[in-house]
């Protein structure tokens, strides 16, 4: 009787530990978002989203104020359409601008909001037009190499 009771407690402890490890793994991979704040959706269009993914953070001043909900390609404008869910406790002016930024040199990409100065705030369903696409490292390297190759050779 005593042995089966100990086995039950050990099994329960192992299950709780496995659930905790699973929870931490999902949080670290940004696959689990436990946010119970109400949100509103806004949309933006970018020429290039780089490696931006759904559920990526939307930040302002380093604080997460929302998440990317979906990324779709618009075959009419040939741009990426990004839908974001911003928390209702954060109000941004209608003329705010968006940039796709990278956390660190090779880190994950996120959207940064730079607040504007308009008196009216963003409302659900609004479209943000002032956007700056992601900086693609390969494009920067190729531009640098091309500019170096185009320079005339300097004689010594």
N, C-alpha and C. Protein backbone atom coordinates (compact mmCIF):
# COMPACT_ATOMS: atom_id res chain seq x y z
N UNK A 1 0.83 -1.19 0.00
CA UNK A 1 0.00 0.00 0.00
C UNK A 1 0.87 1.26 0.00
N UNK A 2 1.92 1.27 0.85
CA UNK A 2 2.79 2.43 0.94
C UNK A 2 3.56 2.64 -0.37
N UNK A 3 3.98 1.54 -1.01
CA UNK A 3 4.76 1.63 -2.24
C UNK A 3 3.91 2.24 -3.36
N UNK A 4 2.67 1.85 -3.50
CA UNK A 4 1.82 2.39 -4.57
C UNK A 4 1.51 3.87 -4.33
N UNK A 5 1.45 4.29 -3.07
CA UNK A 5 1.21 5.70 -2.77
C UNK A 5 2.44 6.53 -3.16
N UNK A 6 3.64 6.02 -2.89
CA UNK A 6 4.86 6.71 -3.31
C UNK A 6 4.98 6.77 -4.82
N UNK A 7 4.61 5.67 -5.49
CA UNK A 7 4.64 5.65 -6.95
C UNK A 7 3.70 6.70 -7.53
N UNK A 8 2.56 6.89 -6.92
CA UNK A 8 1.61 7.90 -7.38
C UNK A 8 2.20 9.30 -7.26
N UNK A 9 2.85 9.61 -6.13
CA UNK A 9 3.45 10.93 -5.93
C UNK A 9 4.61 11.17 -6.89
N UNK A 10 5.43 10.15 -7.12
CA UNK A 10 6.55 10.28 -8.05
C UNK A 10 6.02 10.50 -9.47
N UNK A 11 5.01 9.77 -9.86
CA UNK A 11 4.41 9.94 -11.18
C UNK A 11 3.82 11.32 -11.37
N UNK A 12 3.13 11.82 -10.34
CA UNK A 12 2.55 13.16 -10.40
C UNK A 12 3.64 14.22 -10.52
N UNK A 13 4.72 14.06 -9.77
CA UNK A 13 5.84 14.99 -9.84
C UNK A 13 6.47 14.99 -11.22
N UNK A 14 6.64 13.82 -11.83
CA UNK A 14 7.22 13.71 -13.18
C UNK A 14 6.30 14.38 -14.20
N UNK A 15 5.01 14.20 -14.10
CA UNK A 15 4.06 14.83 -15.02
C UNK A 15 4.10 16.36 -14.91
N UNK A 16 4.17 16.86 -13.69
CA UNK A 16 4.24 18.32 -13.50
C UNK A 16 5.55 18.85 -14.08
N UNK A 17 6.63 18.15 -13.86
CA UNK A 17 7.92 18.56 -14.42
C UNK A 17 7.91 18.56 -15.94
N UNK A 18 7.33 17.53 -16.55
CA UNK A 18 7.25 17.47 -18.02
C UNK A 18 6.38 18.60 -18.56
N UNK A 19 5.28 18.90 -17.88
CA UNK A 19 4.41 20.01 -18.31
C UNK A 19 5.14 21.34 -18.20
N UNK A 20 5.93 21.53 -17.15
CA UNK A 20 6.69 22.77 -16.98
C UNK A 20 7.74 22.92 -18.07
N UNK A 21 8.43 21.85 -18.42
CA UNK A 21 9.43 21.91 -19.49
C UNK A 21 8.77 22.20 -20.83
N UNK A 22 7.63 21.59 -21.11
CA UNK A 22 6.89 21.85 -22.34
C UNK A 22 6.45 23.32 -22.40
N UNK A 23 5.95 23.84 -21.31
CA UNK A 23 5.53 25.24 -21.24
C UNK A 23 6.70 26.18 -21.54
N UNK A 24 7.85 25.93 -20.90
CA UNK A 24 9.02 26.79 -21.11
C UNK A 24 9.53 26.69 -22.55
N UNK A 25 9.50 25.49 -23.14
CA UNK A 25 9.95 25.33 -24.52
C UNK A 25 9.05 26.10 -25.48
N UNK A 26 7.74 26.04 -25.26
CA UNK A 26 6.82 26.77 -26.13
C UNK A 26 6.97 28.28 -25.95
N UNK A 27 7.20 28.73 -24.75
CA UNK A 27 7.42 30.16 -24.50
C UNK A 27 8.71 30.63 -25.17
N UNK A 28 9.78 29.84 -25.05
CA UNK A 28 11.07 30.22 -25.63
C UNK A 28 11.01 30.26 -27.15
N UNK A 29 10.22 29.38 -27.75
CA UNK A 29 10.08 29.34 -29.21
C UNK A 29 9.03 30.32 -29.71
N UNK A 30 8.44 31.09 -28.83
CA UNK A 30 7.43 32.08 -29.18
C UNK A 30 6.21 31.43 -29.84
N UNK A 31 5.89 30.22 -29.44
CA UNK A 31 4.73 29.51 -29.98
C UNK A 31 3.53 29.56 -29.05
N UNK A 32 3.75 30.06 -27.85
CA UNK A 32 2.67 30.13 -26.86
C UNK A 32 2.60 31.56 -26.36
N UNK A 33 1.42 32.12 -26.43
CA UNK A 33 1.25 33.49 -25.98
C UNK A 33 0.09 33.53 -25.01
N UNK A 34 0.40 33.72 -23.75
CA UNK A 34 -0.64 33.79 -22.74
C UNK A 34 -0.91 35.25 -22.41
N UNK A 35 -1.70 35.89 -23.25
CA UNK A 35 -2.04 37.28 -23.06
C UNK A 35 -3.55 37.39 -23.03
N UNK A 36 -4.08 37.89 -21.93
CA UNK A 36 -5.53 37.95 -21.78
C UNK A 36 -6.05 39.37 -21.96
N UNK A 37 -5.21 40.27 -22.49
CA UNK A 37 -5.63 41.64 -22.76
C UNK A 37 -6.47 41.67 -24.03
N UNK A 38 -7.44 42.58 -24.08
CA UNK A 38 -8.22 42.72 -25.31
C UNK A 38 -7.38 43.48 -26.33
N UNK A 39 -7.61 43.16 -27.61
CA UNK A 39 -6.79 43.72 -28.68
C UNK A 39 -7.65 44.31 -29.78
N UNK A 40 -7.02 45.09 -30.64
CA UNK A 40 -7.65 45.58 -31.86
C UNK A 40 -6.67 45.37 -33.00
N UNK A 41 -7.22 45.14 -34.20
CA UNK A 41 -6.39 44.82 -35.36
C UNK A 41 -6.12 46.05 -36.21
N UNK A 42 -4.89 46.17 -36.66
CA UNK A 42 -4.50 47.16 -37.65
C UNK A 42 -3.71 46.45 -38.74
N UNK A 43 -3.64 47.08 -39.89
CA UNK A 43 -3.00 46.45 -41.05
C UNK A 43 -1.94 47.39 -41.60
N UNK A 44 -0.89 46.80 -42.17
CA UNK A 44 0.17 47.57 -42.82
C UNK A 44 0.67 46.76 -44.01
N UNK A 45 1.25 47.47 -44.97
CA UNK A 45 1.82 46.81 -46.15
C UNK A 45 3.31 47.13 -46.22
N UNK A 46 4.10 46.10 -46.50
CA UNK A 46 5.55 46.24 -46.60
C UNK A 46 6.01 45.68 -47.94
N UNK A 47 7.08 46.29 -48.50
CA UNK A 47 7.67 45.76 -49.72
C UNK A 47 8.41 44.46 -49.45
N UNK A 48 9.03 44.36 -48.28
CA UNK A 48 9.80 43.16 -47.93
C UNK A 48 9.70 42.96 -46.43
N UNK A 49 9.20 41.81 -45.99
CA UNK A 49 9.09 41.53 -44.56
C UNK A 49 10.27 40.74 -44.03
N UNK A 50 11.21 40.36 -44.90
CA UNK A 50 12.39 39.62 -44.46
C UNK A 50 11.98 38.31 -43.81
N UNK A 51 12.45 38.07 -42.59
CA UNK A 51 12.15 36.85 -41.86
C UNK A 51 11.07 37.01 -40.80
N UNK A 52 10.24 38.05 -40.94
CA UNK A 52 9.16 38.28 -39.98
C UNK A 52 8.19 37.11 -40.01
N UNK A 53 7.74 36.69 -38.85
CA UNK A 53 6.84 35.53 -38.75
C UNK A 53 5.59 35.91 -37.96
N UNK A 54 4.50 35.18 -38.19
CA UNK A 54 3.32 35.39 -37.34
C UNK A 54 3.68 35.14 -35.88
N UNK A 55 3.05 35.85 -34.98
CA UNK A 55 3.27 35.84 -33.54
C UNK A 55 4.53 36.60 -33.13
N UNK A 56 5.18 37.27 -34.10
CA UNK A 56 6.33 38.11 -33.77
C UNK A 56 5.85 39.30 -32.95
N UNK A 57 6.73 39.84 -32.15
CA UNK A 57 6.37 40.95 -31.27
C UNK A 57 6.19 42.24 -32.07
N UNK A 58 5.28 43.08 -31.58
CA UNK A 58 5.16 44.45 -32.03
C UNK A 58 5.55 45.29 -30.83
N UNK A 59 6.60 46.10 -30.98
CA UNK A 59 7.16 46.83 -29.84
C UNK A 59 7.17 48.33 -30.08
N UNK A 60 7.05 49.04 -28.99
CA UNK A 60 7.22 50.48 -29.01
C UNK A 60 8.03 50.85 -27.78
N UNK A 61 9.16 51.49 -27.99
CA UNK A 61 10.04 51.83 -26.87
C UNK A 61 10.57 50.61 -26.16
N UNK A 62 10.70 49.49 -26.85
CA UNK A 62 11.19 48.26 -26.25
C UNK A 62 10.16 47.43 -25.51
N UNK A 63 8.91 47.94 -25.43
CA UNK A 63 7.84 47.24 -24.72
C UNK A 63 6.94 46.53 -25.73
N UNK A 64 6.62 45.28 -25.48
CA UNK A 64 5.73 44.54 -26.38
C UNK A 64 4.31 45.09 -26.22
N UNK A 65 3.77 45.63 -27.32
CA UNK A 65 2.43 46.23 -27.29
C UNK A 65 1.44 45.44 -28.13
N UNK A 66 1.91 44.37 -28.77
CA UNK A 66 1.03 43.56 -29.60
C UNK A 66 1.80 42.44 -30.26
N UNK A 67 1.12 41.74 -31.15
CA UNK A 67 1.71 40.61 -31.88
C UNK A 67 1.26 40.64 -33.33
N UNK A 68 2.09 40.08 -34.21
CA UNK A 68 1.73 39.92 -35.61
C UNK A 68 0.76 38.75 -35.70
N UNK A 69 -0.40 38.97 -36.30
CA UNK A 69 -1.38 37.89 -36.43
C UNK A 69 -1.21 37.10 -37.72
N UNK A 70 -1.04 37.81 -38.83
CA UNK A 70 -0.91 37.10 -40.10
C UNK A 70 -0.09 37.91 -41.08
N UNK A 71 0.53 37.19 -42.02
CA UNK A 71 1.30 37.80 -43.10
C UNK A 71 0.84 37.14 -44.39
N UNK A 72 0.36 37.95 -45.32
CA UNK A 72 -0.14 37.44 -46.60
C UNK A 72 0.46 38.27 -47.73
N UNK A 73 0.55 37.66 -48.89
CA UNK A 73 1.03 38.38 -50.08
C UNK A 73 -0.17 38.88 -50.87
N UNK A 74 -0.16 40.16 -51.20
CA UNK A 74 -1.23 40.76 -51.99
C UNK A 74 -0.78 40.77 -53.45
N UNK A 75 -1.44 39.98 -54.28
CA UNK A 75 -1.02 39.87 -55.68
C UNK A 75 -1.49 41.05 -56.54
N UNK A 76 -2.22 41.98 -55.97
CA UNK A 76 -2.62 43.19 -56.70
C UNK A 76 -1.55 44.28 -56.54
N UNK A 77 -1.04 44.47 -55.33
CA UNK A 77 -0.03 45.51 -55.08
C UNK A 77 1.39 44.93 -55.02
N UNK A 78 1.50 43.61 -55.00
CA UNK A 78 2.79 42.92 -54.91
C UNK A 78 3.54 43.33 -53.65
N UNK A 79 2.80 43.43 -52.57
CA UNK A 79 3.37 43.74 -51.26
C UNK A 79 2.89 42.71 -50.25
N UNK A 80 3.60 42.66 -49.13
CA UNK A 80 3.18 41.80 -48.02
C UNK A 80 2.20 42.57 -47.15
N UNK A 81 1.07 41.92 -46.85
CA UNK A 81 0.04 42.53 -46.00
C UNK A 81 0.18 41.92 -44.61
N UNK A 82 0.47 42.75 -43.62
CA UNK A 82 0.70 42.29 -42.26
C UNK A 82 -0.43 42.78 -41.37
N UNK A 83 -1.10 41.85 -40.70
CA UNK A 83 -2.17 42.20 -39.76
C UNK A 83 -1.61 42.02 -38.36
N UNK A 84 -1.76 43.07 -37.54
CA UNK A 84 -1.25 43.05 -36.17
C UNK A 84 -2.39 43.22 -35.17
N UNK A 85 -2.25 42.59 -34.02
CA UNK A 85 -3.20 42.76 -32.92
C UNK A 85 -2.50 43.57 -31.84
N UNK A 86 -2.95 44.81 -31.65
CA UNK A 86 -2.38 45.68 -30.63
C UNK A 86 -3.27 45.68 -29.40
N UNK A 87 -2.67 45.72 -28.23
CA UNK A 87 -3.45 45.72 -26.99
C UNK A 87 -4.19 47.05 -26.87
N UNK A 88 -5.44 46.98 -26.42
CA UNK A 88 -6.27 48.19 -26.36
C UNK A 88 -5.78 49.20 -25.33
N UNK A 89 -4.99 48.76 -24.37
CA UNK A 89 -4.49 49.72 -23.38
C UNK A 89 -3.43 50.65 -23.95
N UNK A 90 -2.92 50.34 -25.16
CA UNK A 90 -1.96 51.20 -25.82
C UNK A 90 -2.62 51.87 -27.01
N UNK A 91 -2.68 53.19 -27.01
CA UNK A 91 -3.27 53.96 -28.10
C UNK A 91 -2.16 54.70 -28.84
N UNK A 92 -2.12 54.54 -30.16
CA UNK A 92 -1.11 55.18 -30.98
C UNK A 92 -1.79 56.14 -31.96
N UNK A 93 -1.14 57.27 -32.25
CA UNK A 93 -1.70 58.21 -33.22
C UNK A 93 -1.82 57.59 -34.61
N UNK A 94 -2.76 58.10 -35.41
CA UNK A 94 -2.99 57.55 -36.74
C UNK A 94 -1.79 57.69 -37.67
N UNK A 95 -0.94 58.68 -37.45
CA UNK A 95 0.21 58.88 -38.33
C UNK A 95 1.47 58.18 -37.82
N UNK A 96 1.31 57.17 -36.99
CA UNK A 96 2.46 56.40 -36.50
C UNK A 96 3.09 55.64 -37.67
N UNK A 97 4.38 55.35 -37.52
CA UNK A 97 5.09 54.62 -38.57
C UNK A 97 5.59 53.29 -38.03
N UNK A 98 5.79 52.34 -38.94
CA UNK A 98 6.24 51.00 -38.58
C UNK A 98 7.55 50.68 -39.28
N UNK A 99 8.41 49.95 -38.59
CA UNK A 99 9.66 49.46 -39.15
C UNK A 99 9.82 48.00 -38.77
N UNK A 100 10.37 47.23 -39.67
CA UNK A 100 10.73 45.86 -39.33
C UNK A 100 12.17 45.89 -38.86
N UNK A 101 12.39 45.51 -37.61
CA UNK A 101 13.70 45.58 -36.97
C UNK A 101 14.18 44.19 -36.58
N UNK A 102 15.45 44.09 -36.25
CA UNK A 102 16.03 42.82 -35.83
C UNK A 102 16.58 42.98 -34.42
N UNK A 103 16.26 42.02 -33.56
CA UNK A 103 16.79 42.01 -32.19
C UNK A 103 18.20 41.46 -32.24
N UNK A 104 19.18 42.31 -32.09
CA UNK A 104 20.57 41.88 -32.17
C UNK A 104 21.01 41.77 -33.62
N UNK A 105 22.22 41.25 -33.84
CA UNK A 105 22.77 41.17 -35.18
C UNK A 105 22.07 40.12 -36.03
N UNK A 106 21.82 38.96 -35.47
CA UNK A 106 21.17 37.88 -36.22
C UNK A 106 19.94 37.36 -35.48
N UNK A 107 19.33 38.18 -34.66
CA UNK A 107 18.20 37.74 -33.84
C UNK A 107 16.89 37.73 -34.60
N UNK A 108 15.81 37.49 -33.85
CA UNK A 108 14.49 37.44 -34.46
C UNK A 108 14.05 38.83 -34.89
N UNK A 109 13.16 38.87 -35.87
CA UNK A 109 12.65 40.15 -36.35
C UNK A 109 11.34 40.49 -35.66
N UNK A 110 11.11 41.78 -35.50
CA UNK A 110 9.89 42.28 -34.88
C UNK A 110 9.52 43.60 -35.54
N UNK A 111 8.32 44.07 -35.26
CA UNK A 111 7.86 45.35 -35.79
C UNK A 111 7.98 46.40 -34.70
N UNK A 112 8.60 47.51 -35.05
CA UNK A 112 8.74 48.63 -34.14
C UNK A 112 7.78 49.74 -34.53
N UNK A 113 7.04 50.27 -33.56
CA UNK A 113 6.11 51.37 -33.82
C UNK A 113 6.75 52.66 -33.32
N UNK A 114 6.77 53.64 -34.19
CA UNK A 114 7.22 54.97 -33.82
C UNK A 114 6.00 55.87 -33.82
N UNK A 115 5.64 56.37 -32.66
CA UNK A 115 4.41 57.15 -32.52
C UNK A 115 4.51 58.47 -33.28
N UNK A 116 3.39 58.83 -33.89
CA UNK A 116 3.31 60.09 -34.62
C UNK A 116 2.79 61.20 -33.71
N UNK A 117 2.20 62.23 -34.34
CA UNK A 117 1.72 63.37 -33.55
C UNK A 117 0.27 63.73 -33.85
N UNK A 118 -0.44 62.87 -34.57
CA UNK A 118 -1.84 63.14 -34.90
C UNK A 118 -2.70 63.11 -33.63
N UNK A 119 -3.74 63.91 -33.62
CA UNK A 119 -4.63 63.95 -32.46
C UNK A 119 -5.52 62.72 -32.39
N UNK A 120 -5.87 62.16 -33.55
CA UNK A 120 -6.72 60.97 -33.60
C UNK A 120 -5.87 59.71 -33.43
N UNK A 121 -6.40 58.73 -32.74
CA UNK A 121 -5.70 57.47 -32.51
C UNK A 121 -6.12 56.40 -33.49
N UNK A 122 -5.28 55.37 -33.62
CA UNK A 122 -5.62 54.23 -34.45
C UNK A 122 -6.88 53.56 -33.93
N UNK A 123 -7.72 53.10 -34.85
CA UNK A 123 -8.94 52.40 -34.50
C UNK A 123 -8.88 51.00 -35.11
N UNK A 124 -9.71 50.08 -34.64
CA UNK A 124 -9.72 48.74 -35.23
C UNK A 124 -9.97 48.80 -36.73
N UNK A 125 -9.13 48.07 -37.47
CA UNK A 125 -9.28 48.01 -38.92
C UNK A 125 -8.52 49.08 -39.69
N UNK A 126 -7.86 50.00 -39.00
CA UNK A 126 -7.11 51.05 -39.69
C UNK A 126 -5.90 50.46 -40.43
N UNK A 127 -5.47 51.19 -41.46
CA UNK A 127 -4.30 50.80 -42.23
C UNK A 127 -3.20 51.83 -41.99
N UNK A 128 -2.03 51.34 -41.63
CA UNK A 128 -0.87 52.21 -41.42
C UNK A 128 -0.08 52.24 -42.72
N UNK A 129 0.12 53.43 -43.26
CA UNK A 129 0.77 53.56 -44.57
C UNK A 129 2.26 53.86 -44.48
N UNK A 130 2.71 54.46 -43.40
CA UNK A 130 4.12 54.81 -43.25
C UNK A 130 4.88 53.59 -42.73
N UNK A 131 5.48 52.83 -43.65
CA UNK A 131 6.20 51.61 -43.28
C UNK A 131 7.60 51.62 -43.86
N UNK A 132 8.48 50.92 -43.18
CA UNK A 132 9.85 50.73 -43.67
C UNK A 132 10.14 49.25 -43.64
N UNK A 133 10.52 48.70 -44.79
CA UNK A 133 10.74 47.26 -44.92
C UNK A 133 11.96 46.79 -44.16
N UNK A 134 12.09 45.49 -44.08
CA UNK A 134 13.22 44.87 -43.39
C UNK A 134 14.51 45.11 -44.17
N UNK A 135 15.59 45.25 -43.44
CA UNK A 135 16.91 45.35 -44.06
C UNK A 135 17.41 43.93 -44.25
N UNK A 136 17.66 43.57 -45.50
CA UNK A 136 18.13 42.21 -45.81
C UNK A 136 19.65 42.25 -45.91
N UNK A 137 20.31 41.49 -45.08
CA UNK A 137 21.77 41.51 -44.98
C UNK A 137 22.43 41.18 -46.32
N UNK A 138 21.87 40.24 -47.06
CA UNK A 138 22.45 39.86 -48.35
C UNK A 138 22.43 41.03 -49.33
N UNK A 139 21.36 41.84 -49.31
CA UNK A 139 21.28 43.00 -50.19
C UNK A 139 22.32 44.04 -49.83
N UNK A 140 22.53 44.26 -48.54
CA UNK A 140 23.56 45.21 -48.11
C UNK A 140 24.95 44.77 -48.55
N UNK A 141 25.25 43.50 -48.41
CA UNK A 141 26.56 42.99 -48.80
C UNK A 141 26.76 43.13 -50.30
N UNK A 142 25.73 42.79 -51.08
CA UNK A 142 25.87 42.89 -52.53
C UNK A 142 26.01 44.34 -52.98
N UNK A 143 25.32 45.27 -52.34
CA UNK A 143 25.47 46.69 -52.67
C UNK A 143 26.89 47.17 -52.36
N UNK A 144 27.42 46.74 -51.23
CA UNK A 144 28.79 47.12 -50.85
C UNK A 144 29.79 46.58 -51.86
N UNK A 145 29.66 45.30 -52.22
CA UNK A 145 30.60 44.70 -53.17
C UNK A 145 30.49 45.36 -54.54
N UNK A 146 29.27 45.67 -54.97
CA UNK A 146 29.07 46.31 -56.26
C UNK A 146 29.68 47.71 -56.28
N UNK A 147 29.51 48.46 -55.18
CA UNK A 147 30.08 49.81 -55.14
C UNK A 147 31.60 49.76 -55.12
N UNK A 148 32.18 48.75 -54.46
CA UNK A 148 33.64 48.61 -54.44
C UNK A 148 34.16 48.22 -55.82
N UNK A 149 33.43 47.39 -56.53
CA UNK A 149 33.85 46.96 -57.86
C UNK A 149 33.73 48.10 -58.87
N UNK A 150 32.82 49.02 -58.64
CA UNK A 150 32.60 50.13 -59.57
C UNK A 150 33.60 51.26 -59.37
N UNK A 151 34.30 51.30 -58.24
CA UNK A 151 35.29 52.36 -57.98
C UNK A 151 36.49 52.17 -58.89
N UNK A 152 37.02 53.29 -59.38
CA UNK A 152 38.24 53.17 -60.22
C UNK A 152 39.41 52.72 -59.36
N UNK A 153 40.30 51.95 -59.95
CA UNK A 153 41.47 51.46 -59.24
C UNK A 153 42.39 52.62 -58.93
N UNK A 154 42.93 52.66 -57.74
CA UNK A 154 43.83 53.73 -57.32
C UNK A 154 45.27 53.27 -57.56
N UNK A 155 46.03 54.15 -58.23
CA UNK A 155 47.44 53.83 -58.47
C UNK A 155 48.25 54.23 -57.25
N UNK A 156 49.30 53.48 -57.01
CA UNK A 156 50.17 53.77 -55.87
C UNK A 156 51.26 54.70 -56.25
